[in-house]
Amino acid sequence: MMDAFGWFRWRDAVDIALVAAILYRVFVMFRGTRAVQMLVGLGFLVVATVVARRLELQTLGWLLDNFWSFWVIALVILFQPELRQALTRMGQGRVVATLIGASREERAHVADEIAAAVESLASRRTGALMIIERSTGLRHYAELGVQLDAVVSADLIVSVFQPASPLHDGAVLVQGGRIVAAACFLPLSRNIHAGRTLGTRHRAALGVTEEADAVAVVVSEETGRASIAVDGQLETFGDPERVRDRLLELLAVGDGRPRASALTRGVRRLWSRAAHRA
């Protein structure tokens, strides 16, 4: 028995484990997208190639052989969005975000102000969409919006998303500790299951987090509930204070920072109710 497996080395086990991990990640990344149908189509071409060679179908075999001669270019064209997403995620992570992103104080300030804005907007059921950049640059989305370059503040965010504001359509984009643009238009999610149950804001939030490692905060104008999209997944919160805690976690601020006092939270709620009555 030992002689039968004497050729199997520990490097082979590592090789098999790495290939299995890569294939698993590829299948997870493709799950629920149009890429699944394209993979099925490629599988059909593989089967057709084998059949054509076995049955000696020269014309069909010639066409398929020419296709496989350029299979690398074909795969790059077919799976361009998925390949871009995979390469982008290779440079993501908390360490990278800490090295090239905003300081800890700026990230904590962003979480506080966005959470306060969410509480005010949710109380009056005003729809909103805020995108927080992490390690992946989102400048190409900012260029499509209206340039602001202002310090992140709850008052500014609330005023932007008022129905009478010319900037309420689209998303607010936050880079570092500043709002760089408003009225930004984002790609909608390519998840075929998300489009059936979610509105445009939520699909845009999922779409940008599928393309980059950004954090998207959404307030629904129908229910007034707040949601956070990250890595193509949507989390819904009933308590706006949970939005702040989750943002602190996603922005790598940590749990050592004290929560806002009960007095501070009470003042915020009174301010939001007064604004709602006004």
Protein backbone atom coordinates (compact mmCIF):
# COMPACT_ATOMS: atom_id res chain seq x y z
CA MET A 1 0.00 0.00 0.00
CA MET A 2 2.82 2.40 0.84
CA ASP A 3 4.51 1.61 -2.50
CA ALA A 4 1.28 2.36 -4.36
CA PHE A 5 1.19 5.88 -2.93
CA GLY A 6 4.92 6.43 -2.75
CA TRP A 7 4.75 8.90 -5.63
CA PHE A 8 2.31 11.15 -3.75
CA ARG A 9 4.24 13.99 -2.05
CA TRP A 10 3.13 16.71 0.34
CA ARG A 11 3.59 19.23 -2.47
CA ASP A 12 0.95 17.38 -4.47
CA ALA A 13 -1.49 17.69 -1.58
CA VAL A 14 -0.82 21.43 -1.34
CA ASP A 15 -1.22 21.74 -5.12
CA ILE A 16 -4.58 19.95 -5.06
CA ALA A 17 -5.81 22.00 -2.10
CA LEU A 18 -4.88 25.30 -3.80
CA VAL A 19 -6.60 24.34 -7.05
CA ALA A 20 -9.70 23.23 -5.13
CA ALA A 21 -9.76 26.51 -3.19
CA ILE A 22 -9.42 28.56 -6.38
CA LEU A 23 -12.19 26.64 -8.14
CA TYR A 24 -14.43 26.99 -5.09
CA ARG A 25 -13.91 30.76 -4.99
CA VAL A 26 -14.60 30.98 -8.72
CA PHE A 27 -17.87 29.07 -8.40
CA VAL A 28 -18.92 31.17 -5.38
CA MET A 29 -18.13 34.37 -7.27
CA PHE A 30 -20.09 33.22 -10.34
CA ARG A 31 -23.08 31.94 -8.37
CA GLY A 32 -26.26 33.86 -9.13
CA THR A 33 -24.75 35.76 -12.09
CA ARG A 34 -24.93 35.46 -15.86
CA ALA A 35 -21.48 33.86 -15.79
CA VAL A 36 -23.12 30.58 -14.73
CA GLN A 37 -24.97 30.38 -18.04
CA MET A 38 -21.75 31.22 -19.91
CA LEU A 39 -19.91 28.44 -18.07
CA VAL A 40 -22.65 26.02 -19.11
CA GLY A 41 -22.22 27.21 -22.69
CA LEU A 42 -18.46 26.63 -22.54
CA GLY A 43 -19.08 23.15 -21.14
CA PHE A 44 -21.35 22.45 -24.10
CA LEU A 45 -18.55 23.52 -26.48
CA VAL A 46 -16.13 21.16 -24.74
CA VAL A 47 -18.55 18.25 -25.15
CA ALA A 48 -19.14 19.23 -28.80
CA THR A 49 -15.39 19.26 -29.44
CA VAL A 50 -14.95 15.77 -28.00
CA VAL A 51 -17.91 14.42 -30.00
CA ALA A 52 -16.67 16.03 -33.21
CA ARG A 53 -13.25 14.41 -32.81
CA ARG A 54 -14.70 10.99 -31.97
CA LEU A 55 -17.11 11.04 -34.94
CA GLU A 56 -14.52 12.68 -37.21
CA LEU A 57 -16.78 15.60 -38.12
CA GLN A 58 -14.13 17.60 -39.92
CA THR A 59 -15.96 20.88 -40.53
CA LEU A 60 -17.37 21.15 -37.01
CA GLY A 61 -14.04 20.03 -35.56
CA TRP A 62 -12.21 22.68 -37.60
CA LEU A 63 -14.52 25.44 -36.31
CA LEU A 64 -14.18 24.34 -32.69
CA ASP A 65 -10.41 23.88 -32.95
CA ASN A 66 -10.07 27.43 -34.26
CA PHE A 67 -12.21 28.66 -31.39
CA TRP A 68 -10.02 26.94 -28.81
CA SER A 69 -6.94 28.47 -30.46
CA PHE A 70 -8.15 31.83 -29.15
CA TRP A 71 -9.79 30.59 -25.95
CA VAL A 72 -7.76 32.91 -23.70
CA ILE A 73 -8.99 36.02 -25.53
CA ALA A 74 -12.52 34.63 -25.60
CA LEU A 75 -12.53 34.00 -21.85
CA VAL A 76 -11.21 37.51 -21.13
CA ILE A 77 -14.00 39.02 -23.24
CA LEU A 78 -16.76 36.81 -21.86
CA PHE A 79 -15.78 37.04 -18.18
CA GLN A 80 -14.37 40.57 -18.15
CA PRO A 81 -16.58 41.82 -15.25
CA GLU A 82 -15.88 38.73 -13.13
CA LEU A 83 -12.12 38.83 -13.82
CA ARG A 84 -11.98 42.52 -12.94
CA GLN A 85 -13.85 41.82 -9.71
CA ALA A 86 -11.50 38.96 -8.81
CA LEU A 87 -8.35 41.01 -9.48
CA THR A 88 -9.76 43.92 -7.51
CA ARG A 89 -10.47 41.75 -4.48
CA MET A 90 -6.89 40.50 -4.47
CA GLY A 91 -5.86 43.91 -3.16
CA GLN A 92 -8.65 44.23 -0.63
CA GLY A 93 -8.57 43.64 3.10
CA ARG A 94 -8.36 45.43 6.38
CA VAL A 95 -4.58 45.76 6.24
CA VAL A 96 -4.65 47.43 2.82
CA ALA A 97 -7.52 49.70 3.84
CA THR A 98 -5.63 50.77 6.94
CA LEU A 99 -2.46 51.53 4.98
CA ILE A 100 -3.99 53.55 2.13
CA GLY A 101 -7.32 54.67 3.56
CA ALA A 102 -8.44 57.36 5.96
CA SER A 103 -7.22 57.60 9.53
CA ARG A 104 -9.02 55.88 12.40
CA GLU A 105 -10.50 59.17 13.61
CA GLU A 106 -11.80 60.05 10.14
CA ARG A 107 -13.43 56.65 9.72
CA ALA A 108 -15.07 56.94 13.15
CA HIS A 109 -16.33 60.42 12.25
CA VAL A 110 -17.77 59.10 8.97
CA ALA A 111 -19.57 56.27 10.79
CA ASP A 112 -21.05 58.67 13.36
CA GLU A 113 -22.27 61.23 10.83
CA ILE A 114 -23.73 58.69 8.42
CA ALA A 115 -25.51 56.89 11.27
CA ALA A 116 -27.00 60.21 12.44
CA ALA A 117 -28.11 61.01 8.88
CA VAL A 118 -29.66 57.55 8.53
CA GLU A 119 -31.64 58.04 11.74
CA SER A 120 -33.02 61.36 10.50
CA LEU A 121 -33.78 60.14 6.99
CA ALA A 122 -35.37 56.90 8.21
CA SER A 123 -37.68 58.79 10.60
CA ARG A 124 -39.19 60.73 7.69
CA ARG A 125 -38.89 57.88 5.17
CA THR A 126 -36.64 59.77 2.80
CA GLY A 127 -34.78 57.53 0.38
CA ALA A 128 -30.98 57.82 0.35
CA LEU A 129 -27.89 56.03 -0.88
CA MET A 130 -24.37 56.62 0.53
CA ILE A 131 -21.23 54.90 -0.74
CA ILE A 132 -18.10 54.75 1.43
CA GLU A 133 -14.87 54.04 -0.43
CA ARG A 134 -12.41 51.63 1.15
CA SER A 135 -9.32 50.26 -0.63
CA THR A 136 -10.77 50.21 -4.17
CA GLY A 137 -10.85 53.62 -5.86
CA LEU A 138 -14.25 54.90 -7.03
CA ARG A 139 -13.12 58.06 -8.80
CA HIS A 140 -14.75 57.03 -12.09
CA TYR A 141 -18.14 57.07 -10.33
CA ALA A 142 -17.42 60.44 -8.71
CA GLU A 143 -16.64 61.97 -12.09
CA LEU A 144 -20.16 61.13 -13.26
CA GLY A 145 -21.75 63.03 -10.36
CA VAL A 146 -21.74 66.59 -9.04
CA GLN A 147 -18.47 67.51 -7.33
CA LEU A 148 -18.83 68.68 -3.72
CA ASP A 149 -15.58 68.14 -1.73
CA ALA A 150 -17.09 68.78 1.71
CA VAL A 151 -16.50 67.37 5.17
CA VAL A 152 -18.89 64.50 5.95
CA SER A 153 -21.74 65.76 8.10
CA ALA A 154 -25.23 64.48 8.86
CA ASP A 155 -26.82 67.86 8.09
CA LEU A 156 -25.27 67.95 4.61
CA ILE A 157 -26.32 64.39 3.81
CA VAL A 158 -29.90 65.01 4.97
CA SER A 159 -30.15 68.19 2.90
CA VAL A 160 -28.79 66.45 -0.21
CA PHE A 161 -31.49 63.77 -0.13
CA GLN A 162 -34.46 66.09 0.40
CA PRO A 163 -36.98 65.51 -2.41
CA ALA A 164 -36.74 69.18 -3.42
CA SER A 165 -32.95 69.02 -3.74
CA PRO A 166 -31.56 68.75 -7.30
CA LEU A 167 -28.99 66.25 -5.97
CA HIS A 168 -31.34 63.75 -4.32
CA ASP A 169 -31.21 61.34 -7.27
CA GLY A 170 -28.17 59.07 -7.28
CA ALA A 171 -25.68 58.39 -4.52
CA VAL A 172 -23.39 60.38 -2.24
CA LEU A 173 -19.78 59.22 -2.51
CA VAL A 174 -17.49 59.41 0.54
CA GLN A 175 -13.70 59.21 0.17
CA GLY A 176 -11.64 59.43 3.32
CA GLY A 177 -13.40 61.91 5.57
CA ARG A 178 -15.00 63.97 2.80
CA ILE A 179 -18.02 63.85 0.53
CA VAL A 180 -16.45 64.17 -2.91
CA ALA A 181 -19.58 63.97 -5.06
CA ALA A 182 -23.35 63.64 -5.04
CA ALA A 183 -25.90 62.49 -7.62
CA CYS A 184 -23.55 59.67 -8.65
CA PHE A 185 -25.01 56.92 -10.79
CA LEU A 186 -23.87 53.38 -10.06
CA PRO A 187 -24.07 50.03 -11.84
CA LEU A 188 -27.03 47.88 -10.89
CA SER A 189 -26.51 44.42 -9.44
CA ARG A 190 -26.02 41.60 -11.95
CA ASN A 191 -27.55 39.15 -9.51
CA ILE A 192 -30.61 37.79 -11.31
CA HIS A 193 -32.37 37.07 -8.00
CA ALA A 194 -31.93 40.55 -6.52
CA GLY A 195 -33.81 42.37 -9.26
CA ARG A 196 -37.10 40.67 -8.44
CA THR A 197 -37.45 41.91 -4.89
CA LEU A 198 -35.33 45.07 -4.56
CA GLY A 199 -35.72 48.64 -5.76
CA THR A 200 -33.24 50.63 -7.81
CA ARG A 201 -31.35 52.08 -4.82
CA HIS A 202 -30.81 48.68 -3.25
CA ARG A 203 -29.77 47.15 -6.57
CA ALA A 204 -27.29 50.00 -7.10
CA ALA A 205 -25.91 49.43 -3.60
CA LEU A 206 -25.40 45.75 -4.36
CA GLY A 207 -23.97 46.55 -7.78
CA VAL A 208 -21.19 48.82 -6.56
CA THR A 209 -20.24 46.38 -3.78
CA GLU A 210 -20.03 43.59 -6.36
CA GLU A 211 -17.54 45.66 -8.37
CA ALA A 212 -15.49 47.05 -5.46
CA ASP A 213 -15.01 46.62 -1.71
CA ALA A 214 -17.04 49.74 -0.95
CA VAL A 215 -19.69 49.93 1.78
CA ALA A 216 -23.14 51.12 0.66
CA VAL A 217 -25.75 52.48 3.09
CA VAL A 218 -29.35 52.62 1.88
CA VAL A 219 -32.48 54.11 3.39
CA SER A 220 -35.75 52.86 1.92
CA GLU A 221 -38.37 55.51 1.23
CA GLU A 222 -41.10 52.85 1.35
CA THR A 223 -40.35 51.31 4.75
CA GLY A 224 -37.87 53.74 6.32
CA ARG A 225 -35.55 50.83 7.13
CA ALA A 226 -31.80 51.15 6.75
CA SER A 227 -29.63 48.58 5.00
CA ILE A 228 -25.92 48.10 4.45
CA ALA A 229 -24.53 46.38 1.36
CA VAL A 230 -21.04 44.87 1.41
CA ASP A 231 -19.46 42.23 -0.83
CA GLY A 232 -22.67 41.92 -2.80
CA GLN A 233 -24.72 41.05 0.30
CA LEU A 234 -27.46 43.16 1.89
CA GLU A 235 -27.98 43.53 5.64
CA THR A 236 -31.11 45.26 6.97
CA PHE A 237 -31.30 46.96 10.37
CA GLY A 238 -34.31 48.05 12.36
CA ASP A 239 -32.31 50.17 14.83
CA PRO A 240 -30.23 53.03 13.35
CA GLU A 241 -27.76 52.61 16.22
CA ARG A 242 -26.90 49.17 14.82
CA VAL A 243 -25.98 50.92 11.56
CA ARG A 244 -23.28 52.85 13.41
CA ASP A 245 -21.91 49.72 15.07
CA ARG A 246 -21.80 47.85 11.78
CA LEU A 247 -20.08 50.77 10.01
CA LEU A 248 -17.43 50.94 12.72
CA GLU A 249 -16.80 47.25 12.18
CA LEU A 250 -16.66 47.46 8.38
CA LEU A 251 -14.41 50.52 8.42
CA ALA A 252 -11.96 48.70 10.72
CA VAL A 253 -12.36 51.19 13.56
CA GLY A 254 -12.64 48.39 16.12
CA ASP A 255 -14.73 47.83 19.20
CA GLY A 256 -12.55 49.77 21.60
CA ARG A 257 -14.23 53.05 20.78
CA PRO A 258 -16.99 53.92 23.28
CA ARG A 259 -20.56 54.04 22.11
CA ALA A 260 -22.41 57.31 22.12
CA SER A 261 -23.94 58.11 25.47
CA ALA A 262 -27.65 57.79 26.12
CA LEU A 263 -27.88 61.61 26.30
CA THR A 264 -26.26 61.98 22.89
CA ARG A 265 -28.56 59.40 21.34
CA GLY A 266 -31.57 61.08 22.93
CA VAL A 267 -30.58 64.48 21.54
CA ARG A 268 -30.19 62.95 18.08
CA ARG A 269 -33.66 61.38 18.25
CA LEU A 270 -35.25 64.66 19.40
CA TRP A 271 -33.49 66.53 16.61
CA SER A 272 -34.66 64.02 14.03
CA ARG A 273 -38.30 64.16 15.28
CA ALA A 274 -38.25 67.97 15.27
CA ALA A 275 -36.93 67.98 11.72
CA HIS A 276 -39.59 65.48 10.73
CA ARG A 277 -42.41 67.67 12.13
CA ALA A 278 -40.92 70.68 10.38
